[in-house]
Protein backbone atom coordinates (compact mmCIF):
# COMPACT_ATOMS: atom_id res chain seq x y z
CA MET A 1 110.30 27.99 -72.37
CA ALA A 2 113.61 26.10 -72.33
CA THR A 3 113.79 22.77 -74.18
CA ASP A 4 114.98 19.54 -72.52
CA THR A 5 118.30 19.89 -74.37
CA GLU A 6 118.77 23.45 -73.13
CA GLU A 7 117.97 22.36 -69.57
CA GLU A 8 120.52 19.53 -69.77
CA GLU A 9 123.17 21.89 -71.18
CA LYS A 10 122.48 24.27 -68.31
CA GLU A 11 122.74 21.39 -65.84
CA VAL A 12 126.14 20.34 -67.22
CA GLU A 13 127.30 23.97 -67.23
CA ILE A 14 126.34 24.44 -63.58
CA TYR A 15 128.01 21.13 -62.68
CA HIS A 16 131.29 22.45 -64.13
CA LEU A 17 130.91 25.80 -62.39
CA LYS A 18 130.38 24.05 -59.05
CA LYS A 19 133.58 22.08 -59.64
CA VAL A 20 135.47 25.32 -60.34
CA VAL A 21 134.09 26.90 -57.16
CA GLN A 22 135.26 23.90 -55.14
CA GLU A 23 138.73 24.26 -56.64
CA LEU A 24 138.86 28.02 -55.99
CA LYS A 25 137.78 27.69 -52.36
CA LYS A 26 140.71 25.38 -51.62
CA ILE A 27 143.24 28.04 -52.62
CA LYS A 28 144.44 30.29 -49.79
CA GLY A 29 146.93 33.11 -50.21
CA GLN A 30 149.57 34.08 -47.66
CA HIS A 31 148.75 37.74 -48.35
CA THR A 32 146.11 39.65 -50.31
CA ALA A 33 147.22 38.41 -53.73
CA LEU A 34 144.20 36.56 -55.12
CA ILE A 35 142.19 38.58 -57.66
CA SER A 36 138.43 38.28 -58.18
CA PHE A 37 136.92 40.45 -60.92
CA TYR A 38 133.19 40.36 -61.72
CA ILE A 39 132.36 42.30 -64.90
CA PRO A 40 128.61 42.88 -65.52
CA ALA A 41 126.86 42.06 -68.77
CA GLY A 42 127.24 44.94 -71.23
CA TYR A 43 130.04 46.64 -69.29
CA ASN A 44 132.70 48.43 -71.36
CA MET A 45 135.72 46.08 -71.54
CA ILE A 46 138.06 49.03 -72.12
CA LEU A 47 137.04 50.44 -68.75
CA ALA A 48 137.51 47.02 -67.14
CA LEU A 49 141.04 46.80 -68.58
CA GLN A 50 141.83 50.35 -67.43
CA GLN A 51 140.84 49.44 -63.88
CA ILE A 52 143.24 46.48 -63.87
CA GLN A 53 146.02 48.69 -65.23
CA GLN A 54 145.39 51.22 -62.46
CA GLU A 55 145.57 48.42 -59.90
CA GLN A 56 148.94 47.44 -61.39
CA GLY A 57 150.28 50.89 -60.58
CA THR A 58 149.00 50.67 -57.02
CA ALA A 59 150.46 47.17 -56.56
CA GLU A 60 153.99 48.50 -57.19
CA ASN A 61 153.82 50.12 -53.72
CA ILE A 62 153.38 46.79 -51.87
CA LYS A 63 156.27 46.50 -49.38
CA SER A 64 156.70 42.70 -49.42
CA ARG A 65 158.78 41.78 -52.46
CA VAL A 66 157.24 38.32 -52.82
CA ASN A 67 153.67 39.53 -52.36
CA ARG A 68 154.27 42.47 -54.73
CA LYS A 69 155.51 40.14 -57.45
CA ASN A 70 152.54 37.76 -57.00
CA VAL A 71 150.02 40.62 -57.21
CA VAL A 72 151.70 42.38 -60.13
CA ASP A 73 152.05 39.16 -62.12
CA ALA A 74 148.44 38.17 -61.45
CA LEU A 75 147.23 41.59 -62.56
CA GLU A 76 149.37 41.41 -65.71
CA ARG A 77 147.94 37.97 -66.50
CA THR A 78 144.42 39.33 -65.97
CA ALA A 79 145.09 42.35 -68.19
CA GLN A 80 146.41 40.16 -71.01
CA HIS A 81 143.31 37.97 -70.73
CA LEU A 82 140.89 40.91 -70.86
CA LYS A 83 142.53 42.13 -74.08
CA LEU A 84 141.12 39.01 -75.77
CA PHE A 85 137.58 40.41 -75.41
CA LYS A 86 136.17 43.18 -77.60
CA LYS A 87 133.03 43.12 -75.47
CA THR A 88 131.69 41.19 -72.51
CA PRO A 89 130.01 37.83 -73.13
CA PRO A 90 126.17 37.95 -73.05
CA ASN A 91 125.96 37.21 -69.30
CA GLY A 92 129.11 39.11 -68.29
CA LEU A 93 132.53 37.78 -67.29
CA ILE A 94 134.11 36.53 -64.06
CA VAL A 95 137.91 36.29 -63.81
CA PHE A 96 139.84 34.74 -60.94
CA CYS A 97 143.63 34.98 -61.01
CA GLY A 98 146.45 34.46 -58.51
CA ASN A 99 149.24 32.33 -57.16
CA ALA A 100 147.75 28.87 -56.62
CA SER A 101 150.93 27.48 -55.02
CA GLU A 102 150.69 26.47 -51.37
CA ILE A 103 154.20 27.89 -50.88
CA GLU A 104 154.23 31.67 -51.31
CA SER A 105 157.84 31.82 -52.53
CA ILE A 106 157.02 29.36 -55.34
CA GLN A 107 154.90 31.02 -57.99
CA ASP A 108 152.13 29.24 -59.87
CA ILE A 109 149.93 31.95 -61.40
CA LYS A 110 146.63 30.50 -62.63
CA ILE A 111 143.63 32.15 -64.22
CA TRP A 112 140.00 31.06 -64.43
CA SER A 113 137.68 32.84 -66.86
CA LEU A 114 133.97 32.10 -66.55
CA GLU A 115 130.74 33.26 -68.11
CA PRO A 116 128.03 33.16 -65.41
CA PRO A 117 124.84 31.14 -66.05
CA GLN A 118 122.66 34.25 -65.86
CA PRO A 119 123.26 37.98 -66.49
CA LEU A 120 125.68 39.46 -63.97
CA ILE A 121 124.41 42.74 -62.55
CA VAL A 122 126.94 43.77 -59.89
CA LYS A 123 130.51 44.83 -60.67
CA LEU A 124 133.11 43.72 -58.13
CA TYR A 125 136.91 43.82 -57.90
CA ARG A 126 138.78 42.36 -54.93
CA CYS A 127 142.37 41.43 -54.17
CA ASP A 128 142.28 39.25 -51.06
CA GLN A 129 143.68 36.18 -49.31
CA GLU A 130 140.95 34.08 -50.90
CA PHE A 131 138.88 34.22 -54.05
CA ILE A 132 135.47 35.85 -53.67
CA THR A 133 133.15 33.10 -54.90
CA LYS A 134 129.88 33.90 -53.08
CA PRO A 135 128.29 35.96 -55.91
CA LEU A 136 128.95 33.06 -58.29
CA GLU A 137 127.74 30.49 -55.75
CA ASP A 138 124.49 32.43 -55.35
CA MET A 139 123.96 32.28 -59.12
CA ILE A 140 124.48 28.51 -59.38
CA SER A 141 122.65 27.52 -56.21
CA THR A 142 119.19 25.99 -56.52
CA ARG A 143 116.61 28.68 -55.83
CA ASP A 144 113.71 26.30 -55.06
CA VAL A 145 114.07 25.28 -51.43
CA TYR A 146 111.75 23.02 -49.42
CA GLY A 147 111.62 22.69 -45.64
CA LEU A 148 111.25 19.17 -44.21
CA ILE A 149 109.91 18.31 -40.75
CA VAL A 150 109.21 14.82 -39.40
CA ILE A 151 107.90 14.45 -35.86
CA ASP A 152 106.31 12.04 -33.39
CA ASN A 153 106.10 12.05 -29.58
CA ASN A 154 109.65 10.78 -29.11
CA GLU A 155 111.71 12.49 -31.81
CA ALA A 156 111.79 15.14 -34.52
CA THR A 157 114.11 15.90 -37.41
CA ILE A 158 114.28 19.10 -39.45
CA GLY A 159 115.88 19.11 -42.89
CA ILE A 160 116.05 21.15 -46.06
CA LEU A 161 115.86 20.08 -49.70
CA ARG A 162 117.74 22.04 -52.36
CA GLY A 163 117.49 20.64 -55.87
CA ASP A 164 119.22 17.26 -55.85
CA ASN A 165 120.43 17.38 -52.26
CA TYR A 166 118.88 17.30 -48.81
CA SER A 167 120.65 18.06 -45.54
CA ILE A 168 119.73 17.50 -41.90
CA LEU A 169 119.56 20.74 -39.92
CA LYS A 170 118.45 19.50 -36.51
CA THR A 171 117.49 16.29 -34.70
CA LYS A 172 115.94 16.31 -31.23
CA GLU A 173 114.55 13.65 -28.86
CA SER A 174 111.64 14.63 -26.65
CA GLY A 175 113.02 12.97 -23.53
CA TYR A 176 109.64 11.79 -22.35
CA HIS A 177 107.61 8.60 -22.84
CA GLY A 178 103.88 8.28 -22.38
CA LYS A 179 103.58 4.58 -21.61
CA HIS A 180 104.66 4.21 -17.97
CA ARG A 181 103.54 6.15 -14.92
CA ALA A 182 105.80 6.59 -11.91
CA GLY A 183 104.46 5.08 -8.68
CA GLY A 184 102.44 7.38 -6.43
CA GLN A 185 101.44 9.80 -9.16
CA SER A 186 97.75 10.29 -9.80
CA ALA A 187 96.59 9.49 -13.33
CA ARG A 188 95.32 13.05 -13.85
CA ARG A 189 98.53 14.68 -12.64
CA TYR A 190 100.57 12.35 -14.79
CA GLU A 191 98.46 13.13 -17.86
CA ARG A 192 98.94 16.87 -17.22
CA LEU A 193 102.69 16.35 -16.96
CA ILE A 194 102.85 14.38 -20.20
CA ALA A 195 100.66 16.94 -22.00
CA GLU A 196 102.93 19.75 -20.82
CA GLN A 197 106.09 17.94 -21.92
CA SER A 198 104.50 17.12 -25.28
CA HIS A 199 103.49 20.74 -25.80
CA ASN A 200 106.96 22.00 -24.84
CA PHE A 201 108.58 19.57 -27.27
CA LYS A 202 106.36 20.68 -30.16
CA LYS A 203 107.00 24.31 -29.22
CA TYR A 204 110.77 23.68 -29.25
CA ILE A 205 110.58 22.13 -32.73
CA GLY A 206 108.37 24.99 -33.95
CA ASP A 207 110.84 27.57 -32.61
CA SER A 208 113.73 25.66 -34.19
CA ALA A 209 111.95 25.55 -37.55
CA THR A 210 111.33 29.30 -37.32
CA GLN A 211 115.02 29.99 -36.61
CA LEU A 212 116.17 27.73 -39.45
CA PHE A 213 113.65 28.58 -42.18
CA MET A 214 112.87 32.30 -41.73
CA PRO A 215 116.30 33.37 -43.10
CA VAL A 216 115.46 31.58 -46.39
CA LEU A 217 111.76 32.52 -46.46
CA ASN A 218 111.98 34.19 -49.87
CA GLU A 219 113.58 31.07 -51.39
CA LEU A 220 111.28 28.64 -49.57
CA LYS A 221 108.86 27.15 -52.05
CA GLY A 222 107.08 24.98 -49.49
CA ILE A 223 107.28 23.00 -46.25
CA LEU A 224 106.52 19.29 -45.93
CA VAL A 225 105.49 17.81 -42.59
CA GLY A 226 105.33 14.10 -41.84
CA GLY A 227 105.14 11.53 -39.10
CA PRO A 228 103.03 8.69 -37.68
CA GLY A 229 99.72 9.32 -35.99
CA ALA A 230 98.24 12.69 -35.01
CA THR A 231 101.37 14.29 -33.57
CA LYS A 232 102.24 16.02 -36.83
CA ILE A 233 98.80 17.71 -36.94
CA GLU A 234 99.10 18.74 -33.28
CA PHE A 235 102.55 20.16 -34.07
CA ILE A 236 101.17 22.33 -36.85
CA GLU A 237 98.36 23.58 -34.62
CA GLU A 238 100.27 24.19 -31.39
CA GLY A 239 103.96 24.16 -32.32
CA GLY A 240 104.24 27.93 -32.48
CA MET A 241 105.93 27.98 -35.87
CA HIS A 242 105.99 31.46 -37.43
CA HIS A 243 102.72 32.26 -39.22
CA GLU A 244 104.56 33.02 -42.48
CA LEU A 245 106.03 29.52 -42.39
CA LYS A 246 102.66 27.92 -41.68
CA LYS A 247 101.44 29.45 -44.93
CA LYS A 248 104.22 27.55 -46.70
CA ILE A 249 103.02 24.07 -45.61
CA ILE A 250 102.04 22.30 -48.85
CA ALA A 251 101.77 18.67 -47.70
CA VAL A 252 101.27 16.60 -44.55
CA LYS A 253 102.18 12.92 -44.92
CA ASP A 254 101.77 9.75 -42.88
CA ILE A 255 105.22 8.18 -42.59
CA SER A 256 106.78 5.63 -40.26
CA TYR A 257 110.07 7.18 -39.14
CA THR A 258 111.22 10.50 -37.69
CA ASP A 259 115.01 10.29 -38.06
CA GLU A 260 116.99 10.85 -41.27
CA SER A 261 115.32 7.83 -42.87
CA GLY A 262 112.03 9.60 -42.13
CA ILE A 263 113.23 12.64 -44.07
CA ARG A 264 113.95 10.40 -47.06
CA GLU A 265 110.56 8.71 -46.63
CA LEU A 266 108.87 12.12 -46.52
CA ILE A 267 110.53 13.14 -49.79
CA GLN A 268 109.44 9.89 -51.45
CA ALA A 269 105.89 10.22 -50.11
CA SER A 270 105.68 13.77 -51.48
CA GLU A 271 106.64 12.98 -55.08
CA ASP A 272 103.51 14.58 -56.50
CA ASP A 273 104.09 17.73 -54.47
CA LEU A 274 107.76 17.85 -55.48
CA LYS A 275 107.41 16.71 -59.08
CA ASP A 276 109.60 19.54 -60.40
CA VAL A 277 112.42 19.08 -57.87
CA GLN A 278 115.61 17.67 -59.36
CA MET A 279 116.18 15.06 -56.65
CA VAL A 280 112.69 13.59 -57.04
CA LYS A 281 113.04 13.42 -60.83
CA GLN A 282 116.35 11.60 -60.41
CA GLN A 283 114.87 9.17 -57.89
CA ARG A 284 112.12 8.33 -60.36
CA MET A 285 114.68 7.73 -63.10
CA MET A 286 116.66 5.41 -60.83
CA ALA A 287 113.47 3.59 -59.81
CA ARG A 288 112.74 2.92 -63.51
CA PHE A 289 116.31 1.76 -64.01
CA MET A 290 116.25 -0.59 -60.99
CA LEU A 291 112.88 -2.03 -62.02
CA GLY A 292 114.34 -2.85 -65.43
CA LEU A 293 117.13 -4.84 -63.79
CA VAL A 294 114.76 -7.12 -61.89
CA ASN A 295 111.79 -7.24 -64.27
CA LYS A 296 112.55 -8.09 -67.89
CA ASN A 297 109.03 -7.06 -68.84
CA ALA A 298 109.62 -3.48 -67.60
CA GLU A 299 112.26 -1.04 -68.91
CA TYR A 300 115.14 -2.23 -71.07
CA VAL A 301 118.25 -1.13 -69.20
CA SER A 302 122.01 -1.42 -69.21
CA TYR A 303 124.96 -0.10 -67.20
CA GLY A 304 128.74 0.27 -67.18
CA GLU A 305 130.76 -0.26 -70.35
CA GLU A 306 127.87 -1.96 -72.11
CA ALA A 307 125.72 1.13 -71.59
CA LYS A 308 128.46 3.29 -73.14
CA GLU A 309 128.58 1.03 -76.21
CA LEU A 310 124.80 1.18 -76.58
CA LEU A 311 124.93 4.96 -76.25
CA GLU A 312 127.28 5.15 -79.25
CA ARG A 313 124.82 3.00 -81.21
CA GLY A 314 121.95 5.40 -80.44
CA ALA A 315 120.02 2.84 -78.37
CA VAL A 316 119.87 4.87 -75.13
CA ASP A 317 116.83 6.99 -74.29
CA ILE A 318 117.95 8.26 -70.86
CA LEU A 319 121.57 8.25 -69.70
CA LEU A 320 122.20 8.33 -65.95
CA LEU A 321 125.65 9.63 -65.03
CA SER A 322 127.25 9.97 -61.62
CA GLU A 323 129.05 13.26 -61.01
CA GLU A 324 131.89 11.19 -59.56
CA ILE A 325 133.04 9.73 -62.90
CA GLY A 326 134.90 12.95 -63.69
CA ASP A 327 134.59 16.00 -65.92
CA GLU A 328 136.25 14.57 -69.03
CA GLU A 329 134.14 11.40 -69.09
CA ILE A 330 130.93 13.35 -68.43
CA ASP A 331 131.71 15.74 -71.29
CA ARG A 332 132.62 12.88 -73.64
CA LEU A 333 129.44 10.91 -72.95
CA TYR A 334 127.31 14.05 -73.02
CA GLU A 335 128.56 14.94 -76.51
CA ILE A 336 127.74 11.42 -77.74
CA ALA A 337 124.30 11.67 -76.13
CA LYS A 338 123.53 14.95 -77.92
CA LYS A 339 124.10 13.31 -81.31
CA SER A 340 121.37 10.74 -80.70
CA LYS A 341 119.11 13.13 -78.73
CA THR A 342 119.56 11.06 -75.58
CA ASN A 343 118.38 12.70 -72.36
CA VAL A 344 121.09 12.99 -69.70
CA GLU A 345 120.66 13.07 -65.92
CA LEU A 346 123.61 13.98 -63.67
CA LEU A 347 123.33 12.41 -60.22
CA PRO A 348 125.38 13.42 -57.16
CA THR A 349 126.26 10.82 -54.52
CA THR A 350 124.65 12.90 -51.78
CA PHE A 351 121.47 10.80 -51.83
CA GLU A 352 121.00 7.05 -51.77
CA GLU A 353 120.15 6.43 -55.42
CA GLY A 354 123.04 8.55 -56.68
CA TYR A 355 125.43 6.75 -54.35
CA GLN A 356 124.14 3.41 -55.61
CA LEU A 357 124.60 4.42 -59.26
CA TYR A 358 128.28 5.21 -58.65
CA ASN A 359 129.22 2.38 -56.29
CA THR A 360 127.18 -0.48 -57.75
CA PHE A 361 126.95 0.36 -61.44
CA GLY A 362 130.21 2.19 -62.11
CA GLY A 363 128.55 5.59 -62.39
CA VAL A 364 126.78 4.89 -65.72
CA GLY A 365 123.25 3.60 -66.20
CA ALA A 366 120.99 3.60 -69.24
CA ILE A 367 117.28 3.26 -69.95
CA LEU A 368 117.08 1.99 -73.53
CA ARG A 369 114.84 2.93 -76.41
CA TYR A 370 114.34 -0.67 -77.44
CA ARG A 371 115.37 -4.18 -76.52
CA VAL A 372 118.90 -5.12 -77.53
CA ASP A 373 119.65 -8.83 -77.77
CA GLU A 374 122.75 -9.86 -75.81
CA SER A 375 124.16 -11.49 -78.91
CA GLU A 376 124.26 -8.10 -80.64
CA ASN A 377 126.71 -6.78 -78.07
CA TYR A 378 129.49 -9.27 -78.70
């Protein structure tokens, strides 16, 4: 079982890999001159180098002079890099190389060399107009996925939770209201009409959930359903959601809202069911931090430059860092934290607490090991 330190190191590693992927996806070639080379764990590096050298010979036949030079130079840069390795790293090796300049006639050959976070199985070579990042993205994506559905008679929202990020997949209003009856309609006929509309709405949401969640069924760890009143139970019973998805329902919660704020409320109400999900853990950390700010008898906390000073003194138990403060600062503070065995949490700004950490507290918060008198800081 991985230790907390190993988990934090993996978290920082994946953070950096995600940044690299973002950078790579912005680069577009005018022709097929961007090289992606995935070398599996244990693969013979001599054979990998020979393949690149063979590609160099083929590239000499490219008709466009500019494109030929970009491809040949990128392959040469890749070959020189591979010669640095006597064998593949433990998890394999991924090399991206090509002209990163936005102007084809101006050459800016760059190379990225990465060890994947888990053993690479598939070997892949591609020279294309864009870098092939999907195999790497699949390795760094969060595998635990939760479906989120909030519903009442007037509205429903479907979302998905992946690690420390949720996204809204669909929002739909029912279009009917059960409080007023049009003149001339009998009460029984009106009730039948409302019941039919209600059923059709639940069926629509069930069909939508099936379309959205079945493609990720193998990744789906559970589905959470919430809403006010009995509508959520009726939805589960008559909504027509695929039977394999119904098996995935792990919690049904009473909540007040059914828009995006209802999705957030559902996540908060399901803390015990989602205790291992990164976003919930981070929300709990931020809740402890915020309580310490308003209640001096709760946690001892600090933020900003003061928190950094206390980190260097070994007074910080948990360090909360926003991903927005930049790679260099994250690495610097993380190295300091390791020396004093301080736990580190990296928070994106894609949910409310992470956004608040960056915008209100400068991207750095700290839960302290002990009380530090203000006079000690000056």
